[in-house]
Amino acid sequence: MNVRYHKYGENEPLFIRFLIIIGIFFLIIKILNEVIHIPASFIIASWLLFMAFLPFIPIMLNMKAQFVADDYTVTFKEAFSQEICIPYITIYEIEVYNQMISVRTRGGHVNHCVEVITFKTNDGKEYTFKAVMDNSRIAAMLGADKIFEMGKFKVLKQFIEQKQKEMYSSNSKF
């Protein structure tokens, strides 16, 4: 099972990290310019490189995440972040629920349905992932429960629970 999804609310830390790195870079250039007098061409080139990179920020922030579920583990992969691999044998609880989020835009408020999955593991860790549902505007208007039942995380939960049952039933035979 290999599924791509749009993350919700997890892009802000990436954007803040990017701004901090850019700020530190230009601060270092400013200090180096005061100490060793960097040529103006280097400063102009760094500003031009920064300006050329700006159009890619929205693309980076809208990159899709993905999860890969095999027979024994589920792995969540996100852009510019480490992979999180969770073995099924360590999961003792999976919780999936939906939230209705109202986002303010220029044209008014837009409702989005966000699907949230939380894994609780035996070692005390808790992993939470959020995804904007593909048909969230239709679901918000109609209140359709069928769309919620076919959510990507809901299907993943059913898949993992089935694999856990198979693992435990095969272990109990021995």
C-alpha atoms as a PDB file:
ATOM      1  CA  MET A   1       0.000   0.000   0.000  1.00  0.00           C
ATOM      2  CA  ASN A   2       1.669   3.185  -1.220  1.00  0.00           C
ATOM      3  CA  VAL A   3      -0.420   6.363  -0.875  1.00  0.00           C
ATOM      4  CA  ARG A   4       0.368  10.037  -1.343  1.00  0.00           C
ATOM      5  CA  TYR A   5      -1.566  12.699   0.545  1.00  0.00           C
ATOM      6  CA  HIS A   6      -1.625  16.441   1.234  1.00  0.00           C
ATOM      7  CA  LYS A   7      -0.360  17.219   4.717  1.00  0.00           C
ATOM      8  CA  TYR A   8      -2.277  19.645   6.866  1.00  0.00           C
ATOM      9  CA  GLY A   9      -0.731  22.167   9.231  1.00  0.00           C
ATOM     10  CA  GLU A  10       2.745  20.665   9.181  1.00  0.00           C
ATOM     11  CA  ASN A  11       4.333  23.063   6.708  1.00  0.00           C
ATOM     12  CA  GLU A  12       4.724  26.005   9.072  1.00  0.00           C
ATOM     13  CA  PRO A  13       7.799  24.576  10.887  1.00  0.00           C
ATOM     14  CA  LEU A  14       9.465  23.987   7.513  1.00  0.00           C
ATOM     15  CA  PHE A  15       8.795  27.578   6.478  1.00  0.00           C
ATOM     16  CA  ILE A  16      10.075  28.915   9.810  1.00  0.00           C
ATOM     17  CA  ARG A  17      13.263  26.818   9.512  1.00  0.00           C
ATOM     18  CA  PHE A  18      13.792  28.154   6.010  1.00  0.00           C
ATOM     19  CA  LEU A  19      13.418  31.773   7.170  1.00  0.00           C
ATOM     20  CA  ILE A  20      15.805  31.219  10.091  1.00  0.00           C
ATOM     21  CA  ILE A  21      18.440  29.682   7.808  1.00  0.00           C
ATOM     22  CA  ILE A  22      18.133  32.550   5.317  1.00  0.00           C
ATOM     23  CA  GLY A  23      18.327  35.096   8.148  1.00  0.00           C
ATOM     24  CA  ILE A  24      21.448  33.465   9.599  1.00  0.00           C
ATOM     25  CA  PHE A  25      23.037  33.316   6.127  1.00  0.00           C
ATOM     26  CA  PHE A  26      22.523  37.034   5.500  1.00  0.00           C
ATOM     27  CA  LEU A  27      23.653  37.873   9.037  1.00  0.00           C
ATOM     28  CA  ILE A  28      26.887  35.947   8.438  1.00  0.00           C
ATOM     29  CA  ILE A  29      27.370  37.796   5.145  1.00  0.00           C
ATOM     30  CA  LYS A  30      26.816  41.120   6.954  1.00  0.00           C
ATOM     31  CA  ILE A  31      29.364  40.242   9.672  1.00  0.00           C
ATOM     32  CA  LEU A  32      31.903  38.948   7.143  1.00  0.00           C
ATOM     33  CA  ASN A  33      31.448  42.123   5.121  1.00  0.00           C
ATOM     34  CA  GLU A  34      32.288  44.222   8.185  1.00  0.00           C
ATOM     35  CA  VAL A  35      35.325  42.081   9.068  1.00  0.00           C
ATOM     36  CA  ILE A  36      36.929  41.114   5.762  1.00  0.00           C
ATOM     37  CA  HIS A  37      35.058  43.326   3.279  1.00  0.00           C
ATOM     38  CA  ILE A  38      33.383  40.834   0.956  1.00  0.00           C
ATOM     39  CA  PRO A  39      33.231  41.943  -2.689  1.00  0.00           C
ATOM     40  CA  ALA A  40      29.962  43.539  -3.736  1.00  0.00           C
ATOM     41  CA  SER A  41      29.564  41.003  -6.535  1.00  0.00           C
ATOM     42  CA  PHE A  42      29.293  38.180  -3.954  1.00  0.00           C
ATOM     43  CA  ILE A  43      26.616  40.040  -1.994  1.00  0.00           C
ATOM     44  CA  ILE A  44      24.666  40.801  -5.170  1.00  0.00           C
ATOM     45  CA  ALA A  45      24.987  37.179  -6.320  1.00  0.00           C
ATOM     46  CA  SER A  46      23.672  35.892  -2.982  1.00  0.00           C
ATOM     47  CA  TRP A  47      20.685  38.275  -3.157  1.00  0.00           C
ATOM     48  CA  LEU A  48      19.963  37.186  -6.734  1.00  0.00           C
ATOM     49  CA  LEU A  49      20.171  33.528  -5.717  1.00  0.00           C
ATOM     50  CA  PHE A  50      17.752  34.205  -2.857  1.00  0.00           C
ATOM     51  CA  MET A  51      15.341  36.025  -5.188  1.00  0.00           C
ATOM     52  CA  ALA A  52      15.539  33.168  -7.718  1.00  0.00           C
ATOM     53  CA  PHE A  53      14.694  30.683  -4.957  1.00  0.00           C
ATOM     54  CA  LEU A  54      11.598  32.578  -3.711  1.00  0.00           C
ATOM     55  CA  PRO A  55       9.171  31.229  -6.364  1.00  0.00           C
ATOM     56  CA  PHE A  56       9.938  27.681  -5.230  1.00  0.00           C
ATOM     57  CA  ILE A  57       8.755  28.272  -1.646  1.00  0.00           C
ATOM     58  CA  PRO A  58       5.033  27.703  -2.413  1.00  0.00           C
ATOM     59  CA  ILE A  59       5.942  24.569  -4.356  1.00  0.00           C
ATOM     60  CA  MET A  60       7.975  23.256  -1.424  1.00  0.00           C
ATOM     61  CA  LEU A  61       5.192  23.991   1.047  1.00  0.00           C
ATOM     62  CA  ASN A  62       2.588  22.174  -1.067  1.00  0.00           C
ATOM     63  CA  MET A  63       4.602  19.008  -1.624  1.00  0.00           C
ATOM     64  CA  LYS A  64       2.727  15.811  -0.930  1.00  0.00           C
ATOM     65  CA  ALA A  65       3.672  13.399   1.804  1.00  0.00           C
ATOM     66  CA  GLN A  66       3.371   9.645   1.466  1.00  0.00           C
ATOM     67  CA  PHE A  67       2.991   6.523   3.521  1.00  0.00           C
ATOM     68  CA  VAL A  68       4.070   3.039   2.541  1.00  0.00           C
ATOM     69  CA  ALA A  69       2.526   0.088   4.352  1.00  0.00           C
ATOM     70  CA  ASP A  70       3.951  -3.381   3.815  1.00  0.00           C
ATOM     71  CA  ASP A  71       3.431  -6.653   5.695  1.00  0.00           C
ATOM     72  CA  TYR A  72       5.257  -5.564   8.871  1.00  0.00           C
ATOM     73  CA  THR A  73       5.716  -1.772   9.017  1.00  0.00           C
ATOM     74  CA  VAL A  74       4.218   1.517   7.936  1.00  0.00           C
ATOM     75  CA  THR A  75       6.617   4.261   6.865  1.00  0.00           C
ATOM     76  CA  PHE A  76       5.661   7.934   6.615  1.00  0.00           C
ATOM     77  CA  LYS A  77       7.771  10.040   4.268  1.00  0.00           C
ATOM     78  CA  GLU A  78       7.604  13.810   4.169  1.00  0.00           C
ATOM     79  CA  ALA A  79       9.627  16.303   2.169  1.00  0.00           C
ATOM     80  CA  PHE A  80      12.654  17.728   3.996  1.00  0.00           C
ATOM     81  CA  SER A  81      11.993  15.528   7.005  1.00  0.00           C
ATOM     82  CA  GLN A  82      13.130  12.158   8.247  1.00  0.00           C
ATOM     83  CA  GLU A  83      11.171   9.016   7.523  1.00  0.00           C
ATOM     84  CA  ILE A  84       9.136   7.605  10.390  1.00  0.00           C
ATOM     85  CA  CYS A  85       8.922   3.816  10.383  1.00  0.00           C
ATOM     86  CA  ILE A  86       6.443   2.174  12.758  1.00  0.00           C
ATOM     87  CA  PRO A  87       6.431  -1.641  13.095  1.00  0.00           C
ATOM     88  CA  TYR A  88       2.935  -3.111  13.470  1.00  0.00           C
ATOM     89  CA  ILE A  89       4.010  -5.239  16.410  1.00  0.00           C
ATOM     90  CA  THR A  90       4.711  -2.110  18.512  1.00  0.00           C
ATOM     91  CA  ILE A  91       1.333  -0.464  17.813  1.00  0.00           C
ATOM     92  CA  TYR A  92      -1.252  -1.008  20.527  1.00  0.00           C
ATOM     93  CA  GLU A  93      -3.793   1.624  19.488  1.00  0.00           C
ATOM     94  CA  ILE A  94      -4.705   3.394  16.252  1.00  0.00           C
ATOM     95  CA  GLU A  95      -7.139   6.266  16.341  1.00  0.00           C
ATOM     96  CA  VAL A  96      -8.599   7.873  13.217  1.00  0.00           C
ATOM     97  CA  TYR A  97     -10.953  10.817  13.292  1.00  0.00           C
ATOM     98  CA  ASN A  98     -12.004  13.764  11.136  1.00  0.00           C
ATOM     99  CA  GLN A  99     -11.983  17.453  11.902  1.00  0.00           C
ATOM    100  CA  MET A 100     -13.808  20.226  10.108  1.00  0.00           C
ATOM    101  CA  ILE A 101     -11.446  23.175   9.715  1.00  0.00           C
ATOM    102  CA  SER A 102     -12.585  26.600   8.564  1.00  0.00           C
ATOM    103  CA  VAL A 103      -9.852  28.486   6.730  1.00  0.00           C
ATOM    104  CA  ARG A 104     -10.133  32.199   6.111  1.00  0.00           C
ATOM    105  CA  THR A 105      -9.298  33.209   2.551  1.00  0.00           C
ATOM    106  CA  ARG A 106      -9.671  36.382   0.525  1.00  0.00           C
ATOM    107  CA  GLY A 107     -13.096  35.263  -0.654  1.00  0.00           C
ATOM    108  CA  GLY A 108     -14.376  34.363   2.817  1.00  0.00           C
ATOM    109  CA  HIS A 109     -14.248  31.159   4.817  1.00  0.00           C
ATOM    110  CA  VAL A 110     -13.611  27.765   3.232  1.00  0.00           C
ATOM    111  CA  ASN A 111     -14.318  24.532   5.109  1.00  0.00           C
ATOM    112  CA  HIS A 112     -11.905  21.626   4.833  1.00  0.00           C
ATOM    113  CA  CYS A 113     -12.163  18.160   6.290  1.00  0.00           C
ATOM    114  CA  VAL A 114      -8.921  17.005   7.851  1.00  0.00           C
ATOM    115  CA  GLU A 115      -8.335  13.340   8.566  1.00  0.00           C
ATOM    116  CA  VAL A 116      -6.122  12.642  11.584  1.00  0.00           C
ATOM    117  CA  ILE A 117      -4.426   9.352  12.463  1.00  0.00           C
ATOM    118  CA  THR A 118      -2.672   8.727  15.774  1.00  0.00           C
ATOM    119  CA  PHE A 119      -0.484   5.719  16.506  1.00  0.00           C
ATOM    120  CA  LYS A 120       0.257   4.817  20.121  1.00  0.00           C
ATOM    121  CA  THR A 121       3.159   2.412  20.530  1.00  0.00           C
ATOM    122  CA  ASN A 122       4.342   0.142  23.328  1.00  0.00           C
ATOM    123  CA  ASP A 123       7.429   2.278  23.950  1.00  0.00           C
ATOM    124  CA  GLY A 124       5.241   5.264  24.935  1.00  0.00           C
ATOM    125  CA  LYS A 125       5.584   7.210  21.699  1.00  0.00           C
ATOM    126  CA  GLU A 126       2.676   8.797  19.920  1.00  0.00           C
ATOM    127  CA  TYR A 127       2.731   9.645  16.225  1.00  0.00           C
ATOM    128  CA  THR A 128       0.105  11.936  14.687  1.00  0.00           C
ATOM    129  CA  PHE A 129      -0.345  12.667  11.002  1.00  0.00           C
ATOM    130  CA  LYS A 130      -2.916  14.948   9.352  1.00  0.00           C
ATOM    131  CA  ALA A 131      -4.170  14.976   5.779  1.00  0.00           C
ATOM    132  CA  VAL A 132      -6.613  17.176   3.935  1.00  0.00           C
ATOM    133  CA  MET A 133      -9.286  14.940   2.462  1.00  0.00           C
ATOM    134  CA  ASP A 134      -9.551  15.087  -1.315  1.00  0.00           C
ATOM    135  CA  ASN A 135     -13.308  15.603  -1.380  1.00  0.00           C
ATOM    136  CA  SER A 136     -13.424  17.790   1.711  1.00  0.00           C
ATOM    137  CA  ARG A 137     -15.457  20.598   0.139  1.00  0.00           C
ATOM    138  CA  ILE A 138     -18.117  18.168  -1.054  1.00  0.00           C
ATOM    139  CA  ALA A 139     -18.141  16.465   2.346  1.00  0.00           C
ATOM    140  CA  ALA A 140     -18.436  19.798   4.118  1.00  0.00           C
ATOM    141  CA  MET A 141     -21.452  20.747   2.028  1.00  0.00           C
ATOM    142  CA  LEU A 142     -23.209  17.404   2.089  1.00  0.00           C
ATOM    143  CA  GLY A 143     -22.030  16.010   5.410  1.00  0.00           C
ATOM    144  CA  ALA A 144     -21.339  12.738   3.594  1.00  0.00           C
ATOM    145  CA  ASP A 145     -20.230   9.953   5.956  1.00  0.00           C
ATOM    146  CA  LYS A 146     -19.252   7.691   3.045  1.00  0.00           C
ATOM    147  CA  ILE A 147     -16.428  10.044   2.122  1.00  0.00           C
ATOM    148  CA  PHE A 148     -15.138   9.852   5.700  1.00  0.00           C
ATOM    149  CA  GLU A 149     -15.289   6.063   5.654  1.00  0.00           C
ATOM    150  CA  MET A 150     -13.100   5.888   2.547  1.00  0.00           C
ATOM    151  CA  GLY A 151     -10.440   8.260   3.882  1.00  0.00           C
ATOM    152  CA  LYS A 152      -6.824   7.289   3.293  1.00  0.00           C
ATOM    153  CA  PHE A 153      -6.031   6.955   6.981  1.00  0.00           C
ATOM    154  CA  LYS A 154      -9.206   4.986   7.661  1.00  0.00           C
ATOM    155  CA  VAL A 155      -8.198   2.483   4.968  1.00  0.00           C
ATOM    156  CA  LEU A 156      -4.662   2.392   6.426  1.00  0.00           C
ATOM    157  CA  LYS A 157      -6.049   1.625   9.884  1.00  0.00           C
ATOM    158  CA  GLN A 158      -8.097  -1.275   8.507  1.00  0.00           C
ATOM    159  CA  PHE A 159      -5.060  -2.560   6.598  1.00  0.00           C
ATOM    160  CA  ILE A 160      -2.822  -2.461   9.689  1.00  0.00           C
ATOM    161  CA  GLU A 161      -5.432  -4.111  11.899  1.00  0.00           C
ATOM    162  CA  GLN A 162      -5.800  -6.912   9.343  1.00  0.00           C
ATOM    163  CA  LYS A 163      -2.023  -7.407   9.219  1.00  0.00           C
ATOM    164  CA  GLN A 164      -1.862  -7.446  13.028  1.00  0.00           C
ATOM    165  CA  LYS A 165      -4.565 -10.126  13.163  1.00  0.00           C
ATOM    166  CA  GLU A 166      -2.644 -12.208  10.625  1.00  0.00           C
ATOM    167  CA  MET A 167       0.595 -11.773  12.596  1.00  0.00           C
ATOM    168  CA  TYR A 168      -0.991 -12.755  15.910  1.00  0.00           C
ATOM    169  CA  SER A 169      -2.926 -15.677  14.456  1.00  0.00           C
ATOM    170  CA  SER A 170       0.206 -17.068  12.787  1.00  0.00           C
ATOM    171  CA  ASN A 171       2.187 -16.688  16.043  1.00  0.00           C
ATOM    172  CA  SER A 172      -0.470 -18.476  18.086  1.00  0.00           C
ATOM    173  CA  LYS A 173      -0.248 -21.603  15.893  1.00  0.00           C
ATOM    174  CA  PHE A 174       3.252 -22.370  17.139  1.00  0.00           C
END
